Amino acid sequence: MADDDRVGGAHRSTDAWADALQRLIGAGHAYTSILNYTLAQTDAFIAAIDRQESRRLANLLTVVSVGSQGGSDAIKKVLKGLDA
């Protein structure tokens, strides 16, 4: 059973690194550049991607909410805010 745990743990660790690489590449980082990042740089870039994604999701929620429940004035106000 302990061997299975170790294999599963190693698999999860590999998945975490693969996910981190994919997120960095998806955000426009070059694979060759990522290979030279320090752990601190990798953590900082992942944190910045998290913040950017949170802002994007908050904006999406606003747009969907206003689009489904707001009137034309509310929609215009949100669109004006997005253009700023």
C-alpha atoms as a PDB file:
ATOM      1  CA  MET A   1       0.000   0.000   0.000  1.00  0.00           C
ATOM      2  CA  ALA A   2       2.848   2.398   0.819  1.00  0.00           C
ATOM      3  CA  ASP A   3       4.313   1.858  -2.650  1.00  0.00           C
ATOM      4  CA  ASP A   4       0.980   2.795  -4.214  1.00  0.00           C
ATOM      5  CA  ASP A   5       0.890   5.981  -2.140  1.00  0.00           C
ATOM      6  CA  ARG A   6       4.373   6.948  -3.293  1.00  0.00           C
ATOM      7  CA  VAL A   7       3.509   6.330  -6.927  1.00  0.00           C
ATOM      8  CA  GLY A   8       0.294   8.323  -6.583  1.00  0.00           C
ATOM      9  CA  GLY A   9       2.150  11.138  -4.835  1.00  0.00           C
ATOM     10  CA  ALA A  10       4.778  11.245  -7.555  1.00  0.00           C
ATOM     11  CA  HIS A  11       2.039  11.260 -10.179  1.00  0.00           C
ATOM     12  CA  ARG A  12       0.259  14.170  -8.474  1.00  0.00           C
ATOM     13  CA  SER A  13       3.552  16.065  -8.226  1.00  0.00           C
ATOM     14  CA  THR A  14       4.214  15.534 -11.934  1.00  0.00           C
ATOM     15  CA  ASP A  15       0.681  16.665 -12.736  1.00  0.00           C
ATOM     16  CA  ALA A  16       1.185  19.838 -10.686  1.00  0.00           C
ATOM     17  CA  TRP A  17       4.328  20.730 -12.645  1.00  0.00           C
ATOM     18  CA  ALA A  18       2.641  19.933 -15.951  1.00  0.00           C
ATOM     19  CA  ASP A  19      -0.312  22.120 -14.972  1.00  0.00           C
ATOM     20  CA  ALA A  20       2.026  24.961 -13.964  1.00  0.00           C
ATOM     21  CA  LEU A  21       3.903  24.705 -17.262  1.00  0.00           C
ATOM     22  CA  GLN A  22       0.651  24.704 -19.222  1.00  0.00           C
ATOM     23  CA  ARG A  23      -0.616  27.770 -17.373  1.00  0.00           C
ATOM     24  CA  LEU A  24       2.630  29.649 -18.053  1.00  0.00           C
ATOM     25  CA  ILE A  25       2.653  28.638 -21.725  1.00  0.00           C
ATOM     26  CA  GLY A  26      -1.032  29.544 -22.009  1.00  0.00           C
ATOM     27  CA  ALA A  27      -0.196  32.991 -20.638  1.00  0.00           C
ATOM     28  CA  GLY A  28       2.402  33.499 -23.360  1.00  0.00           C
ATOM     29  CA  HIS A  29       5.617  32.331 -21.718  1.00  0.00           C
ATOM     30  CA  ALA A  30       8.009  30.457 -23.988  1.00  0.00           C
ATOM     31  CA  TYR A  31       8.845  26.896 -22.934  1.00  0.00           C
ATOM     32  CA  THR A  32      12.579  27.572 -23.293  1.00  0.00           C
ATOM     33  CA  SER A  33      12.269  30.621 -21.030  1.00  0.00           C
ATOM     34  CA  ILE A  34      10.281  28.712 -18.416  1.00  0.00           C
ATOM     35  CA  LEU A  35      13.076  26.148 -18.131  1.00  0.00           C
ATOM     36  CA  ASN A  36      15.361  28.930 -16.864  1.00  0.00           C
ATOM     37  CA  TYR A  37      12.914  30.395 -14.307  1.00  0.00           C
ATOM     38  CA  THR A  38      13.712  30.085 -10.628  1.00  0.00           C
ATOM     39  CA  LEU A  39      11.075  28.628  -8.336  1.00  0.00           C
ATOM     40  CA  ALA A  40      10.413  32.142  -6.981  1.00  0.00           C
ATOM     41  CA  GLN A  41       9.873  33.472 -10.512  1.00  0.00           C
ATOM     42  CA  THR A  42       7.574  30.572 -11.343  1.00  0.00           C
ATOM     43  CA  ASP A  43       5.539  31.201  -8.176  1.00  0.00           C
ATOM     44  CA  ALA A  44       5.328  34.939  -8.933  1.00  0.00           C
ATOM     45  CA  PHE A  45       4.185  34.377 -12.518  1.00  0.00           C
ATOM     46  CA  ILE A  46       1.591  31.775 -11.462  1.00  0.00           C
ATOM     47  CA  ALA A  47       0.273  34.194  -8.806  1.00  0.00           C
ATOM     48  CA  ALA A  48       0.001  36.947 -11.439  1.00  0.00           C
ATOM     49  CA  ILE A  49      -1.869  34.572 -13.754  1.00  0.00           C
ATOM     50  CA  ASP A  50      -4.232  33.723 -10.869  1.00  0.00           C
ATOM     51  CA  ARG A  51      -4.945  37.422 -10.267  1.00  0.00           C
ATOM     52  CA  GLN A  52      -5.515  38.063 -13.967  1.00  0.00           C
ATOM     53  CA  GLU A  53      -7.873  35.094 -14.224  1.00  0.00           C
ATOM     54  CA  SER A  54      -9.808  36.277 -11.160  1.00  0.00           C
ATOM     55  CA  ARG A  55     -10.267  39.726 -12.725  1.00  0.00           C
ATOM     56  CA  ARG A  56     -11.377  38.154 -16.003  1.00  0.00           C
ATOM     57  CA  LEU A  57     -13.921  35.945 -14.240  1.00  0.00           C
ATOM     58  CA  ALA A  58     -15.224  38.885 -12.194  1.00  0.00           C
ATOM     59  CA  ASN A  59     -15.687  40.888 -15.397  1.00  0.00           C
ATOM     60  CA  LEU A  60     -17.431  37.942 -17.036  1.00  0.00           C
ATOM     61  CA  LEU A  61     -19.784  37.593 -14.075  1.00  0.00           C
ATOM     62  CA  THR A  62     -20.600  41.302 -14.251  1.00  0.00           C
ATOM     63  CA  VAL A  63     -21.310  41.165 -17.965  1.00  0.00           C
ATOM     64  CA  VAL A  64     -23.462  38.037 -17.699  1.00  0.00           C
ATOM     65  CA  SER A  65     -25.382  39.411 -14.711  1.00  0.00           C
ATOM     66  CA  VAL A  66     -26.070  42.773 -16.309  1.00  0.00           C
ATOM     67  CA  GLY A  67     -26.852  41.184 -19.661  1.00  0.00           C
ATOM     68  CA  SER A  68     -29.412  38.860 -18.158  1.00  0.00           C
ATOM     69  CA  GLN A  69     -30.984  41.215 -15.610  1.00  0.00           C
ATOM     70  CA  GLY A  70     -30.031  44.772 -16.448  1.00  0.00           C
ATOM     71  CA  GLY A  71     -31.654  47.261 -18.753  1.00  0.00           C
ATOM     72  CA  SER A  72     -29.987  48.972 -21.677  1.00  0.00           C
ATOM     73  CA  ASP A  73     -28.643  51.782 -19.461  1.00  0.00           C
ATOM     74  CA  ALA A  74     -26.951  49.281 -17.145  1.00  0.00           C
ATOM     75  CA  ILE A  75     -25.452  47.445 -20.103  1.00  0.00           C
ATOM     76  CA  LYS A  76     -24.109  50.699 -21.573  1.00  0.00           C
ATOM     77  CA  LYS A  77     -22.579  51.611 -18.199  1.00  0.00           C
ATOM     78  CA  VAL A  78     -20.790  48.260 -17.934  1.00  0.00           C
ATOM     79  CA  LEU A  79     -19.545  48.477 -21.517  1.00  0.00           C
ATOM     80  CA  LYS A  80     -18.233  51.981 -20.866  1.00  0.00           C
ATOM     81  CA  GLY A  81     -16.382  50.664 -17.803  1.00  0.00           C
ATOM     82  CA  LEU A  82     -14.834  47.852 -19.819  1.00  0.00           C
ATOM     83  CA  ASP A  83     -13.582  50.298 -22.457  1.00  0.00           C
ATOM     84  CA  ALA A  84     -11.821  52.413 -19.812  1.00  0.00           C
END
